[in-house]
Amino acid sequence: MFLKILFLVLSYFVGAIPFGFLFGKMKGVDIRTVGSKNIGATNTGRILGKKYAVFTYILDMIKGGIFVFLFRFCIIPVEYCVLSPMLYGLVAVIGHTFPIYLGFKGGKSVACGSGAVFGYCPYLLPFMILVFFIIKKITKLVSVGSLVSTLICILMVFVASLISGDFLVDVWDFSSSALWPLNYWCVIFTFLIGVIIYVRHISNIKRILNRTEQPINY
């Protein structure tokens, strides 16, 4: 029980690491005070440049998916996992959204959430990134690409849960005895990650509807 609680706590504290904020501090800028004042990859890139947007996204994705991956592929024994590996992705997203290190004022969790999905189902992420860039190319809006790809991801996980016990096993032909089935807990936690992302984008959604959302040019 101690280890079960410990891994959940670690998921939060790892998820709460504000990489965008740290990159800003390295460059002498508090990104919470400039641009959109968000600590995520988009605002980091807006203030520090495309390279730092990529670094921030990758690191935020890793922190969202690290414990999901470790439990999903039994690197950490399954007896220490609570309900589903995706729970640890949800906890990491909560950490990113409400980081203890920054007074519980964090980011919008797109990269962290996508990392959780990647940790559970690696082959799904490239498809979601493709969807994101297609939508961004059409609309010029990162927020629209993020929201659309998040919605499609939730729908795909839900559909996969209806047609397959473990869609990763079906695709990659791994031994199902060592892996977690895609159960209703996985669907619920994926849905909750999506809800957090949408709630954090309420201001963006309002600007999109009012046609005042600013495009990103990098």
C-alpha atoms as a PDB file:
ATOM      1  CA  MET A   1       0.000   0.000   0.000  1.00  0.00           C
ATOM      2  CA  PHE A   2       2.881   2.343   0.804  1.00  0.00           C
ATOM      3  CA  LEU A   3       4.398   1.838  -2.647  1.00  0.00           C
ATOM      4  CA  LYS A   4       1.024   2.307  -4.342  1.00  0.00           C
ATOM      5  CA  ILE A   5       0.613   5.656  -2.621  1.00  0.00           C
ATOM      6  CA  LEU A   6       4.254   6.575  -3.237  1.00  0.00           C
ATOM      7  CA  PHE A   7       3.994   6.103  -7.019  1.00  0.00           C
ATOM      8  CA  LEU A   8       0.833   8.229  -7.143  1.00  0.00           C
ATOM      9  CA  VAL A   9       2.545  10.987  -5.171  1.00  0.00           C
ATOM     10  CA  LEU A  10       5.625  10.789  -7.386  1.00  0.00           C
ATOM     11  CA  SER A  11       3.414  11.071 -10.459  1.00  0.00           C
ATOM     12  CA  TYR A  12       2.054  14.349  -9.144  1.00  0.00           C
ATOM     13  CA  PHE A  13       5.428  15.835  -8.215  1.00  0.00           C
ATOM     14  CA  VAL A  14       7.021  14.808 -11.525  1.00  0.00           C
ATOM     15  CA  GLY A  15       4.007  16.127 -13.427  1.00  0.00           C
ATOM     16  CA  ALA A  16       4.270  19.416 -11.551  1.00  0.00           C
ATOM     17  CA  ILE A  17       7.811  20.161 -12.791  1.00  0.00           C
ATOM     18  CA  PRO A  18       7.342  23.414 -14.812  1.00  0.00           C
ATOM     19  CA  PHE A  19       9.843  22.957 -17.622  1.00  0.00           C
ATOM     20  CA  GLY A  20       8.646  25.988 -19.580  1.00  0.00           C
ATOM     21  CA  PHE A  21       9.028  28.164 -16.507  1.00  0.00           C
ATOM     22  CA  LEU A  22      12.514  26.740 -15.852  1.00  0.00           C
ATOM     23  CA  PHE A  23      13.635  27.423 -19.422  1.00  0.00           C
ATOM     24  CA  GLY A  24      12.368  30.968 -19.038  1.00  0.00           C
ATOM     25  CA  LYS A  25      14.334  31.413 -15.827  1.00  0.00           C
ATOM     26  CA  MET A  26      17.447  30.135 -17.595  1.00  0.00           C
ATOM     27  CA  LYS A  27      16.980  32.937 -20.118  1.00  0.00           C
ATOM     28  CA  GLY A  28      16.167  35.527 -17.477  1.00  0.00           C
ATOM     29  CA  VAL A  29      12.432  35.654 -18.253  1.00  0.00           C
ATOM     30  CA  ASP A  30       9.421  34.766 -16.145  1.00  0.00           C
ATOM     31  CA  ILE A  31       7.079  33.452 -18.847  1.00  0.00           C
ATOM     32  CA  ARG A  32       4.173  33.731 -16.408  1.00  0.00           C
ATOM     33  CA  THR A  33       4.321  37.493 -16.918  1.00  0.00           C
ATOM     34  CA  VAL A  34       4.616  37.738 -20.706  1.00  0.00           C
ATOM     35  CA  GLY A  35       2.714  36.524 -23.754  1.00  0.00           C
ATOM     36  CA  SER A  36      -0.263  34.415 -22.745  1.00  0.00           C
ATOM     37  CA  LYS A  37       1.355  34.012 -19.284  1.00  0.00           C
ATOM     38  CA  ASN A  38       1.124  30.237 -19.648  1.00  0.00           C
ATOM     39  CA  ILE A  39       3.967  27.877 -18.730  1.00  0.00           C
ATOM     40  CA  GLY A  40       3.313  25.455 -21.588  1.00  0.00           C
ATOM     41  CA  ALA A  41       5.170  24.825 -24.831  1.00  0.00           C
ATOM     42  CA  THR A  42       3.182  27.320 -26.943  1.00  0.00           C
ATOM     43  CA  ASN A  43       3.919  30.354 -24.788  1.00  0.00           C
ATOM     44  CA  THR A  44       7.468  29.182 -24.148  1.00  0.00           C
ATOM     45  CA  GLY A  45       8.016  29.106 -27.906  1.00  0.00           C
ATOM     46  CA  ARG A  46       6.342  32.465 -28.312  1.00  0.00           C
ATOM     47  CA  ILE A  47       8.744  34.051 -25.826  1.00  0.00           C
ATOM     48  CA  LEU A  48      11.950  32.025 -26.161  1.00  0.00           C
ATOM     49  CA  GLY A  49      11.744  30.612 -29.680  1.00  0.00           C
ATOM     50  CA  LYS A  50      10.760  27.421 -31.482  1.00  0.00           C
ATOM     51  CA  LYS A  51      13.632  25.373 -30.056  1.00  0.00           C
ATOM     52  CA  TYR A  52      12.424  25.891 -26.506  1.00  0.00           C
ATOM     53  CA  ALA A  53       8.856  25.117 -27.508  1.00  0.00           C
ATOM     54  CA  VAL A  54      10.047  21.716 -28.755  1.00  0.00           C
ATOM     55  CA  PHE A  55      12.123  21.073 -25.624  1.00  0.00           C
ATOM     56  CA  THR A  56       9.243  22.041 -23.360  1.00  0.00           C
ATOM     57  CA  TYR A  57       6.753  19.886 -25.246  1.00  0.00           C
ATOM     58  CA  ILE A  58       8.995  16.811 -25.182  1.00  0.00           C
ATOM     59  CA  LEU A  59       9.798  17.131 -21.487  1.00  0.00           C
ATOM     60  CA  ASP A  60       6.163  17.819 -20.565  1.00  0.00           C
ATOM     61  CA  MET A  61       5.168  14.789 -22.600  1.00  0.00           C
ATOM     62  CA  ILE A  62       7.750  12.595 -20.875  1.00  0.00           C
ATOM     63  CA  LYS A  63       6.617  13.609 -17.397  1.00  0.00           C
ATOM     64  CA  GLY A  64       3.021  12.838 -18.352  1.00  0.00           C
ATOM     65  CA  GLY A  65       3.820   9.408 -19.717  1.00  0.00           C
ATOM     66  CA  ILE A  66       6.714   8.068 -17.666  1.00  0.00           C
ATOM     67  CA  PHE A  67       4.718   6.244 -14.977  1.00  0.00           C
ATOM     68  CA  VAL A  68       2.021   5.218 -17.448  1.00  0.00           C
ATOM     69  CA  PHE A  69       4.698   3.566 -19.576  1.00  0.00           C
ATOM     70  CA  LEU A  70       6.448   1.926 -16.613  1.00  0.00           C
ATOM     71  CA  PHE A  71       3.239   0.332 -15.375  1.00  0.00           C
ATOM     72  CA  ARG A  72       1.809  -0.371 -18.827  1.00  0.00           C
ATOM     73  CA  PHE A  73       4.795  -2.487 -19.807  1.00  0.00           C
ATOM     74  CA  CYS A  74       5.294  -3.961 -16.331  1.00  0.00           C
ATOM     75  CA  ILE A  75       8.684  -2.342 -15.738  1.00  0.00           C
ATOM     76  CA  ILE A  76       7.164  -1.509 -12.361  1.00  0.00           C
ATOM     77  CA  PRO A  77       5.317  -4.630 -11.151  1.00  0.00           C
ATOM     78  CA  VAL A  78       1.567  -4.474 -11.739  1.00  0.00           C
ATOM     79  CA  GLU A  79       0.742  -5.196  -8.084  1.00  0.00           C
ATOM     80  CA  TYR A  80       1.831  -1.638  -7.278  1.00  0.00           C
ATOM     81  CA  CYS A  81      -0.531  -0.091  -9.828  1.00  0.00           C
ATOM     82  CA  VAL A  82      -3.876   1.400  -8.793  1.00  0.00           C
ATOM     83  CA  LEU A  83      -6.802   0.664 -11.171  1.00  0.00           C
ATOM     84  CA  SER A  84      -5.034   1.477 -14.464  1.00  0.00           C
ATOM     85  CA  PRO A  85      -1.719   2.885 -15.714  1.00  0.00           C
ATOM     86  CA  MET A  86      -3.679   5.837 -17.121  1.00  0.00           C
ATOM     87  CA  LEU A  87      -4.461   6.967 -13.576  1.00  0.00           C
ATOM     88  CA  TYR A  88      -0.815   8.002 -13.279  1.00  0.00           C
ATOM     89  CA  GLY A  89      -1.141  10.052 -16.435  1.00  0.00           C
ATOM     90  CA  LEU A  90      -4.177  11.791 -14.967  1.00  0.00           C
ATOM     91  CA  VAL A  91      -2.303  12.523 -11.732  1.00  0.00           C
ATOM     92  CA  ALA A  92       0.639  13.925 -13.721  1.00  0.00           C
ATOM     93  CA  VAL A  93      -1.762  16.154 -15.665  1.00  0.00           C
ATOM     94  CA  ILE A  94      -3.224  17.393 -12.381  1.00  0.00           C
ATOM     95  CA  GLY A  95       0.332  18.113 -11.257  1.00  0.00           C
ATOM     96  CA  HIS A  96       1.039  20.086 -14.426  1.00  0.00           C
ATOM     97  CA  THR A  97      -2.230  21.988 -14.147  1.00  0.00           C
ATOM     98  CA  PHE A  98      -1.866  22.693 -10.427  1.00  0.00           C
ATOM     99  CA  PRO A  99       1.887  22.571  -9.708  1.00  0.00           C
ATOM    100  CA  ILE A 100       2.856  22.903  -6.075  1.00  0.00           C
ATOM    101  CA  TYR A 101       6.104  24.562  -7.158  1.00  0.00           C
ATOM    102  CA  LEU A 102       4.272  27.555  -8.703  1.00  0.00           C
ATOM    103  CA  GLY A 103       1.469  28.117  -6.247  1.00  0.00           C
ATOM    104  CA  PHE A 104      -0.832  25.643  -8.045  1.00  0.00           C
ATOM    105  CA  LYS A 105      -1.014  27.830 -11.172  1.00  0.00           C
ATOM    106  CA  GLY A 106       0.108  25.753 -14.135  1.00  0.00           C
ATOM    107  CA  GLY A 107      -0.405  25.006 -17.801  1.00  0.00           C
ATOM    108  CA  LYS A 108      -3.125  23.662 -20.059  1.00  0.00           C
ATOM    109  CA  SER A 109      -1.833  20.075 -20.081  1.00  0.00           C
ATOM    110  CA  VAL A 110      -1.903  19.289 -23.807  1.00  0.00           C
ATOM    111  CA  ALA A 111       1.691  18.023 -23.945  1.00  0.00           C
ATOM    112  CA  CYS A 112       1.441  16.305 -20.563  1.00  0.00           C
ATOM    113  CA  GLY A 113      -1.835  14.645 -21.573  1.00  0.00           C
ATOM    114  CA  SER A 114      -0.448  13.502 -24.898  1.00  0.00           C
ATOM    115  CA  GLY A 115       2.471  11.976 -23.011  1.00  0.00           C
ATOM    116  CA  ALA A 116       0.057   9.928 -20.932  1.00  0.00           C
ATOM    117  CA  VAL A 117      -1.578   8.596 -24.096  1.00  0.00           C
ATOM    118  CA  PHE A 118       1.830   7.875 -25.595  1.00  0.00           C
ATOM    119  CA  GLY A 119       2.870   5.965 -22.469  1.00  0.00           C
ATOM    120  CA  TYR A 120      -0.172   3.715 -22.773  1.00  0.00           C
ATOM    121  CA  CYS A 121      -0.384   3.390 -26.536  1.00  0.00           C
ATOM    122  CA  PRO A 122       2.771   4.601 -28.343  1.00  0.00           C
ATOM    123  CA  TYR A 123       1.412   4.129 -31.861  1.00  0.00           C
ATOM    124  CA  LEU A 124      -1.562   6.440 -31.218  1.00  0.00           C
ATOM    125  CA  LEU A 125       0.491   9.591 -30.582  1.00  0.00           C
ATOM    126  CA  PRO A 126       1.951  10.006 -34.119  1.00  0.00           C
ATOM    127  CA  PHE A 127      -1.578   9.954 -35.512  1.00  0.00           C
ATOM    128  CA  MET A 128      -2.701  12.602 -33.020  1.00  0.00           C
ATOM    129  CA  ILE A 129       0.312  14.792 -33.826  1.00  0.00           C
ATOM    130  CA  LEU A 130      -0.543  14.487 -37.526  1.00  0.00           C
ATOM    131  CA  VAL A 131      -4.118  15.568 -36.803  1.00  0.00           C
ATOM    132  CA  PHE A 132      -2.822  18.483 -34.735  1.00  0.00           C
ATOM    133  CA  PHE A 133      -0.520  19.808 -37.457  1.00  0.00           C
ATOM    134  CA  ILE A 134      -3.160  19.423 -40.166  1.00  0.00           C
ATOM    135  CA  ILE A 135      -5.673  21.414 -38.122  1.00  0.00           C
ATOM    136  CA  LYS A 136      -3.037  23.994 -37.164  1.00  0.00           C
ATOM    137  CA  LYS A 137      -2.010  24.350 -40.810  1.00  0.00           C
ATOM    138  CA  ILE A 138      -5.611  24.975 -41.828  1.00  0.00           C
ATOM    139  CA  THR A 139      -6.621  27.283 -38.974  1.00  0.00           C
ATOM    140  CA  LYS A 140      -3.233  28.753 -37.957  1.00  0.00           C
ATOM    141  CA  LEU A 141      -4.397  28.233 -34.360  1.00  0.00           C
ATOM    142  CA  VAL A 142      -2.569  25.968 -31.913  1.00  0.00           C
ATOM    143  CA  SER A 143      -5.591  25.909 -29.607  1.00  0.00           C
ATOM    144  CA  VAL A 144      -7.905  24.537 -32.295  1.00  0.00           C
ATOM    145  CA  GLY A 145      -5.398  21.842 -33.213  1.00  0.00           C
ATOM    146  CA  SER A 146      -5.025  20.889 -29.553  1.00  0.00           C
ATOM    147  CA  LEU A 147      -8.773  20.726 -28.910  1.00  0.00           C
ATOM    148  CA  VAL A 148      -9.604  18.760 -32.037  1.00  0.00           C
ATOM    149  CA  SER A 149      -6.804  16.220 -31.543  1.00  0.00           C
ATOM    150  CA  THR A 150      -7.803  15.803 -27.877  1.00  0.00           C
ATOM    151  CA  LEU A 151     -11.412  15.082 -28.834  1.00  0.00           C
ATOM    152  CA  ILE A 152     -10.414  12.590 -31.520  1.00  0.00           C
ATOM    153  CA  CYS A 153      -8.060  10.856 -29.074  1.00  0.00           C
ATOM    154  CA  ILE A 154     -10.857  10.383 -26.521  1.00  0.00           C
ATOM    155  CA  LEU A 155     -13.168   9.001 -29.198  1.00  0.00           C
ATOM    156  CA  MET A 156     -10.511   6.607 -30.493  1.00  0.00           C
ATOM    157  CA  VAL A 157      -9.768   5.248 -27.018  1.00  0.00           C
ATOM    158  CA  PHE A 158     -13.502   4.791 -26.397  1.00  0.00           C
ATOM    159  CA  VAL A 159     -14.049   2.987 -29.704  1.00  0.00           C
ATOM    160  CA  ALA A 160     -10.963   0.832 -29.136  1.00  0.00           C
ATOM    161  CA  SER A 161     -12.343  -0.196 -25.742  1.00  0.00           C
ATOM    162  CA  LEU A 162     -15.507  -1.435 -27.442  1.00  0.00           C
ATOM    163  CA  ILE A 163     -13.843  -3.508 -30.144  1.00  0.00           C
ATOM    164  CA  SER A 164     -10.716  -4.823 -28.420  1.00  0.00           C
ATOM    165  CA  GLY A 165      -9.612  -6.093 -25.046  1.00  0.00           C
ATOM    166  CA  ASP A 166      -6.166  -4.622 -25.580  1.00  0.00           C
ATOM    167  CA  PHE A 167      -5.697  -2.731 -28.824  1.00  0.00           C
ATOM    168  CA  LEU A 168      -1.948  -2.425 -28.301  1.00  0.00           C
ATOM    169  CA  VAL A 169      -1.639  -6.203 -28.128  1.00  0.00           C
ATOM    170  CA  ASP A 170      -3.785  -6.612 -31.227  1.00  0.00           C
ATOM    171  CA  VAL A 171      -1.533  -4.303 -33.224  1.00  0.00           C
ATOM    172  CA  TRP A 172       1.906  -5.276 -31.934  1.00  0.00           C
ATOM    173  CA  ASP A 173       1.227  -8.922 -31.036  1.00  0.00           C
ATOM    174  CA  PHE A 174       2.717  -8.701 -27.563  1.00  0.00           C
ATOM    175  CA  SER A 175       1.894 -11.273 -24.895  1.00  0.00           C
ATOM    176  CA  SER A 176      -1.324 -10.034 -23.281  1.00  0.00           C
ATOM    177  CA  SER A 177      -0.513 -11.840 -20.040  1.00  0.00           C
ATOM    178  CA  ALA A 178       2.079  -9.192 -19.219  1.00  0.00           C
ATOM    179  CA  LEU A 179       0.079  -6.131 -20.261  1.00  0.00           C
ATOM    180  CA  TRP A 180      -2.966  -4.256 -19.084  1.00  0.00           C
ATOM    181  CA  PRO A 181      -6.244  -4.580 -20.990  1.00  0.00           C
ATOM    182  CA  LEU A 182      -7.926  -1.401 -22.161  1.00  0.00           C
ATOM    183  CA  ASN A 183     -10.674  -1.335 -19.528  1.00  0.00           C
ATOM    184  CA  TYR A 184     -13.273   1.188 -18.507  1.00  0.00           C
ATOM    185  CA  TRP A 185     -10.876   2.787 -16.013  1.00  0.00           C
ATOM    186  CA  CYS A 186      -8.490   3.616 -18.835  1.00  0.00           C
ATOM    187  CA  VAL A 187     -11.349   5.199 -20.796  1.00  0.00           C
ATOM    188  CA  ILE A 188     -12.527   7.172 -17.751  1.00  0.00           C
ATOM    189  CA  PHE A 189      -9.061   8.520 -16.954  1.00  0.00           C
ATOM    190  CA  THR A 190      -8.439   9.435 -20.601  1.00  0.00           C
ATOM    191  CA  PHE A 191     -11.784  11.242 -20.660  1.00  0.00           C
ATOM    192  CA  LEU A 192     -10.921  13.140 -17.461  1.00  0.00           C
ATOM    193  CA  ILE A 193      -7.598  14.242 -18.963  1.00  0.00           C
ATOM    194  CA  GLY A 194      -9.559  15.549 -21.939  1.00  0.00           C
ATOM    195  CA  VAL A 195     -11.973  17.383 -19.633  1.00  0.00           C
ATOM    196  CA  ILE A 196      -9.064  19.111 -17.879  1.00  0.00           C
ATOM    197  CA  ILE A 197      -7.602  20.165 -21.230  1.00  0.00           C
ATOM    198  CA  TYR A 198     -10.940  21.590 -22.396  1.00  0.00           C
ATOM    199  CA  VAL A 199     -11.590  23.396 -19.101  1.00  0.00           C
ATOM    200  CA  ARG A 200      -8.135  24.950 -19.248  1.00  0.00           C
ATOM    201  CA  HIS A 201      -8.916  26.135 -22.776  1.00  0.00           C
ATOM    202  CA  ILE A 202     -12.208  27.871 -21.942  1.00  0.00           C
ATOM    203  CA  SER A 203     -10.705  31.315 -22.553  1.00  0.00           C
ATOM    204  CA  ASN A 204      -9.281  30.080 -25.871  1.00  0.00           C
ATOM    205  CA  ILE A 205     -12.662  28.635 -26.864  1.00  0.00           C
ATOM    206  CA  LYS A 206     -14.313  31.994 -26.174  1.00  0.00           C
ATOM    207  CA  ARG A 207     -11.735  33.787 -28.333  1.00  0.00           C
ATOM    208  CA  ILE A 208     -12.132  31.186 -31.078  1.00  0.00           C
ATOM    209  CA  LEU A 209     -15.894  31.738 -31.124  1.00  0.00           C
ATOM    210  CA  ASN A 210     -15.357  35.504 -31.134  1.00  0.00           C
ATOM    211  CA  ARG A 211     -12.673  35.139 -33.815  1.00  0.00           C
ATOM    212  CA  THR A 212     -10.130  36.952 -31.671  1.00  0.00           C
ATOM    213  CA  GLU A 213      -7.759  34.032 -31.007  1.00  0.00           C
ATOM    214  CA  GLN A 214      -4.232  34.976 -32.054  1.00  0.00           C
ATOM    215  CA  PRO A 215      -2.368  32.673 -34.492  1.00  0.00           C
ATOM    216  CA  ILE A 216       1.098  31.311 -33.791  1.00  0.00           C
ATOM    217  CA  ASN A 217       3.619  32.045 -36.514  1.00  0.00           C
ATOM    218  CA  TYR A 218       6.450  29.665 -35.566  1.00  0.00           C
END
